[in-house]
N, C-alpha and C. Protein backbone atom coordinates (compact mmCIF):
# COMPACT_ATOMS: atom_id res chain seq x y z
N MET A 1 19.74 6.91 -0.64
CA MET A 1 18.85 7.17 0.50
C MET A 1 18.12 5.89 0.87
N PRO A 2 17.93 5.64 2.15
CA PRO A 2 17.21 4.43 2.57
C PRO A 2 15.74 4.49 2.20
N ARG A 3 15.15 3.32 2.14
CA ARG A 3 13.73 3.24 1.82
C ARG A 3 12.92 3.72 3.03
N GLU A 4 11.80 4.33 2.75
CA GLU A 4 10.90 4.78 3.81
C GLU A 4 9.48 4.38 3.44
N THR A 5 8.61 4.36 4.43
CA THR A 5 7.21 4.06 4.18
C THR A 5 6.47 5.37 3.96
N VAL A 6 5.72 5.44 2.87
CA VAL A 6 4.90 6.61 2.58
C VAL A 6 3.43 6.20 2.62
N TYR A 7 2.60 7.13 3.04
CA TYR A 7 1.17 6.89 3.19
C TYR A 7 0.44 7.78 2.19
N ILE A 8 -0.39 7.16 1.37
CA ILE A 8 -1.02 7.87 0.26
C ILE A 8 -2.52 7.63 0.25
N VAL A 9 -3.26 8.69 -0.08
CA VAL A 9 -4.71 8.59 -0.31
C VAL A 9 -4.94 8.87 -1.78
N GLN A 10 -5.64 7.95 -2.45
CA GLN A 10 -5.95 8.10 -3.87
C GLN A 10 -7.46 8.02 -4.04
N ALA A 11 -8.05 9.06 -4.60
CA ALA A 11 -9.49 9.09 -4.86
C ALA A 11 -9.75 8.98 -6.36
N TYR A 12 -10.91 8.45 -6.71
CA TYR A 12 -11.30 8.25 -8.10
C TYR A 12 -12.66 8.87 -8.36
N ILE A 13 -12.79 9.49 -9.53
CA ILE A 13 -14.05 10.06 -9.98
C ILE A 13 -14.42 9.40 -11.30
N ALA A 14 -15.60 9.75 -11.83
CA ALA A 14 -16.04 9.17 -13.09
C ALA A 14 -15.13 9.60 -14.24
N GLY A 15 -14.77 8.64 -15.05
CA GLY A 15 -13.99 8.91 -16.26
C GLY A 15 -14.89 8.69 -17.47
N ARG A 16 -14.29 8.38 -18.59
CA ARG A 16 -15.06 8.11 -19.81
C ARG A 16 -15.79 6.78 -19.69
N GLY A 17 -17.01 6.76 -20.17
CA GLY A 17 -17.79 5.53 -20.10
C GLY A 17 -17.96 5.10 -18.66
N LYS A 18 -17.57 3.86 -18.39
CA LYS A 18 -17.65 3.34 -17.03
C LYS A 18 -16.30 3.39 -16.34
N GLY A 19 -15.34 4.07 -16.95
CA GLY A 19 -13.99 4.13 -16.41
C GLY A 19 -13.88 5.05 -15.20
N LEU A 20 -12.76 4.91 -14.54
CA LEU A 20 -12.44 5.74 -13.38
C LEU A 20 -11.30 6.68 -13.74
N LYS A 21 -11.32 7.86 -13.17
CA LYS A 21 -10.24 8.82 -13.37
C LYS A 21 -9.64 9.12 -12.01
N ALA A 22 -8.33 8.96 -11.90
CA ALA A 22 -7.64 9.21 -10.63
C ALA A 22 -7.47 10.70 -10.40
N GLU A 23 -7.78 11.12 -9.19
CA GLU A 23 -7.48 12.49 -8.77
C GLU A 23 -6.03 12.51 -8.30
N GLN A 24 -5.52 13.68 -7.99
CA GLN A 24 -4.14 13.79 -7.52
C GLN A 24 -4.01 13.09 -6.17
N GLN A 25 -2.93 12.33 -6.02
CA GLN A 25 -2.67 11.64 -4.77
C GLN A 25 -2.37 12.64 -3.66
N VAL A 26 -2.75 12.25 -2.44
CA VAL A 26 -2.47 13.08 -1.27
C VAL A 26 -1.54 12.28 -0.36
N GLY A 27 -0.38 12.85 -0.05
CA GLY A 27 0.55 12.21 0.87
C GLY A 27 0.19 12.54 2.31
N CYS A 28 0.39 11.58 3.19
CA CYS A 28 0.09 11.76 4.61
C CYS A 28 1.30 11.36 5.43
N LYS A 29 1.36 11.86 6.67
CA LYS A 29 2.50 11.59 7.53
C LYS A 29 2.37 10.30 8.32
N THR A 30 1.13 9.89 8.60
CA THR A 30 0.91 8.68 9.40
C THR A 30 -0.19 7.84 8.77
N PRO A 31 -0.24 6.55 9.11
CA PRO A 31 -1.32 5.72 8.58
C PRO A 31 -2.69 6.16 9.09
N GLU A 32 -2.74 6.68 10.31
CA GLU A 32 -4.01 7.15 10.86
C GLU A 32 -4.54 8.36 10.08
N GLU A 33 -3.64 9.28 9.73
CA GLU A 33 -4.05 10.45 8.95
C GLU A 33 -4.56 10.03 7.58
N ALA A 34 -3.90 9.07 6.94
CA ALA A 34 -4.32 8.58 5.63
C ALA A 34 -5.71 7.95 5.71
N ARG A 35 -5.91 7.14 6.73
CA ARG A 35 -7.21 6.47 6.89
C ARG A 35 -8.33 7.49 7.13
N ARG A 36 -8.08 8.48 7.99
CA ARG A 36 -9.10 9.50 8.26
C ARG A 36 -9.46 10.29 7.01
N LYS A 37 -8.47 10.69 6.24
CA LYS A 37 -8.73 11.45 5.01
C LYS A 37 -9.53 10.61 4.02
N ALA A 38 -9.17 9.35 3.89
CA ALA A 38 -9.89 8.46 2.98
C ALA A 38 -11.33 8.26 3.43
N GLU A 39 -11.54 8.09 4.72
CA GLU A 39 -12.89 7.91 5.24
C GLU A 39 -13.76 9.15 4.97
N ARG A 40 -13.17 10.35 5.08
CA ARG A 40 -13.92 11.57 4.81
C ARG A 40 -14.25 11.72 3.33
N LEU A 41 -13.35 11.27 2.46
CA LEU A 41 -13.59 11.37 1.01
C LEU A 41 -14.56 10.32 0.47
N ALA A 42 -14.66 9.19 1.15
CA ALA A 42 -15.43 8.05 0.64
C ALA A 42 -16.85 8.40 0.19
N PRO A 43 -17.62 9.16 0.95
CA PRO A 43 -18.99 9.46 0.50
C PRO A 43 -19.04 10.44 -0.68
N LEU A 44 -17.92 11.09 -0.98
CA LEU A 44 -17.89 12.14 -2.00
C LEU A 44 -17.30 11.68 -3.33
N ARG A 45 -16.72 10.49 -3.40
CA ARG A 45 -16.05 10.00 -4.60
C ARG A 45 -16.57 8.62 -4.97
N LEU A 46 -16.35 8.21 -6.23
CA LEU A 46 -16.75 6.86 -6.65
C LEU A 46 -15.93 5.80 -5.94
N GLY A 47 -14.68 6.13 -5.65
CA GLY A 47 -13.81 5.20 -4.97
C GLY A 47 -12.69 5.95 -4.29
N VAL A 48 -12.19 5.37 -3.22
CA VAL A 48 -11.05 5.97 -2.51
C VAL A 48 -10.28 4.85 -1.81
N VAL A 49 -8.97 5.00 -1.79
CA VAL A 49 -8.12 4.03 -1.12
C VAL A 49 -6.99 4.77 -0.40
N ALA A 50 -6.68 4.29 0.80
CA ALA A 50 -5.52 4.77 1.54
C ALA A 50 -4.57 3.58 1.64
N PHE A 51 -3.30 3.81 1.34
CA PHE A 51 -2.37 2.70 1.38
C PHE A 51 -0.99 3.16 1.81
N ALA A 52 -0.21 2.18 2.24
CA ALA A 52 1.18 2.41 2.63
C ALA A 52 2.05 1.66 1.64
N VAL A 53 3.17 2.28 1.27
CA VAL A 53 4.09 1.64 0.33
C VAL A 53 5.51 2.01 0.72
N SER A 54 6.40 1.07 0.57
CA SER A 54 7.81 1.32 0.82
C SER A 54 8.39 1.95 -0.44
N ALA A 55 9.20 3.01 -0.25
CA ALA A 55 9.70 3.73 -1.42
C ALA A 55 11.06 4.36 -1.16
N ASP A 56 11.80 4.50 -2.24
CA ASP A 56 12.98 5.36 -2.26
C ASP A 56 12.52 6.58 -3.04
N THR A 57 12.07 7.60 -2.32
CA THR A 57 11.43 8.75 -2.96
C THR A 57 12.38 9.56 -3.83
N GLU A 58 13.66 9.56 -3.50
CA GLU A 58 14.63 10.28 -4.34
C GLU A 58 14.76 9.64 -5.71
N MET A 59 14.72 8.32 -5.76
CA MET A 59 14.86 7.60 -7.02
C MET A 59 13.51 7.38 -7.71
N GLY A 60 12.41 7.62 -6.98
CA GLY A 60 11.08 7.37 -7.54
C GLY A 60 10.76 5.89 -7.64
N ASP A 61 11.38 5.10 -6.79
CA ASP A 61 11.21 3.64 -6.80
C ASP A 61 10.22 3.23 -5.71
N TYR A 62 9.05 2.73 -6.12
CA TYR A 62 8.00 2.33 -5.19
C TYR A 62 7.75 0.83 -5.30
N ASP A 63 7.48 0.18 -4.15
CA ASP A 63 7.11 -1.24 -4.18
C ASP A 63 5.83 -1.42 -4.98
N GLU A 64 5.68 -2.59 -5.55
CA GLU A 64 4.50 -2.88 -6.36
C GLU A 64 3.34 -3.43 -5.54
N ASN A 65 3.58 -3.79 -4.30
CA ASN A 65 2.53 -4.37 -3.46
C ASN A 65 2.22 -3.47 -2.28
N PRO A 66 1.29 -2.54 -2.45
CA PRO A 66 0.94 -1.64 -1.35
C PRO A 66 0.17 -2.37 -0.25
N THR A 67 0.26 -1.83 0.95
CA THR A 67 -0.52 -2.32 2.08
C THR A 67 -1.75 -1.43 2.20
N ILE A 68 -2.93 -2.03 2.03
CA ILE A 68 -4.19 -1.27 2.06
C ILE A 68 -4.54 -0.92 3.50
N LEU A 69 -4.79 0.36 3.75
CA LEU A 69 -5.21 0.82 5.07
C LEU A 69 -6.72 1.03 5.13
N PHE A 70 -7.31 1.43 4.00
CA PHE A 70 -8.76 1.68 3.90
C PHE A 70 -9.12 1.70 2.43
N LYS A 71 -10.29 1.16 2.10
CA LYS A 71 -10.78 1.30 0.73
C LYS A 71 -12.29 1.26 0.72
N ALA A 72 -12.86 1.99 -0.25
CA ALA A 72 -14.31 2.06 -0.36
C ALA A 72 -14.67 2.37 -1.81
N GLY A 73 -15.80 1.86 -2.27
CA GLY A 73 -16.30 2.16 -3.60
C GLY A 73 -15.61 1.38 -4.70
N ARG A 74 -15.75 1.89 -5.95
CA ARG A 74 -15.15 1.26 -7.12
C ARG A 74 -13.68 1.64 -7.23
N LEU A 75 -12.84 0.64 -7.43
CA LEU A 75 -11.40 0.89 -7.52
C LEU A 75 -10.80 0.08 -8.67
N PRO A 76 -9.75 0.59 -9.28
CA PRO A 76 -9.04 -0.15 -10.32
C PRO A 76 -8.04 -1.13 -9.71
N PRO A 77 -7.51 -2.05 -10.51
CA PRO A 77 -6.43 -2.90 -10.00
C PRO A 77 -5.24 -2.06 -9.60
N PRO A 78 -4.46 -2.41 -8.63
CA PRO A 78 -4.50 -3.63 -7.83
C PRO A 78 -5.38 -3.51 -6.59
N PHE A 79 -6.13 -2.42 -6.48
CA PHE A 79 -6.92 -2.17 -5.28
C PHE A 79 -8.29 -2.86 -5.28
N ASP A 80 -8.75 -3.38 -6.42
CA ASP A 80 -10.10 -3.90 -6.52
C ASP A 80 -10.23 -5.37 -6.12
N ASP A 81 -9.13 -6.07 -5.92
CA ASP A 81 -9.22 -7.48 -5.59
C ASP A 81 -9.39 -7.70 -4.10
N ASP A 82 -10.04 -8.79 -3.78
CA ASP A 82 -10.21 -9.26 -2.39
C ASP A 82 -10.97 -10.54 -2.40
């Protein structure tokens, strides 16, 4: 199957100590939908990121360098750098 671009929203809540715990990822159909969902979650979570990644979903093969669409709050690598 050819590679396709997938849009994902990932939110984080408090984990053990000062760590972050990832909530379940939310898939979106468009980059605009991903950004809107992330913006709505931002005030409610410690961190949230919306990103686009090229993937072969049948094989479970995802690129290692996501394109950030929106981010806010505390995030783990690779989302925390800038």
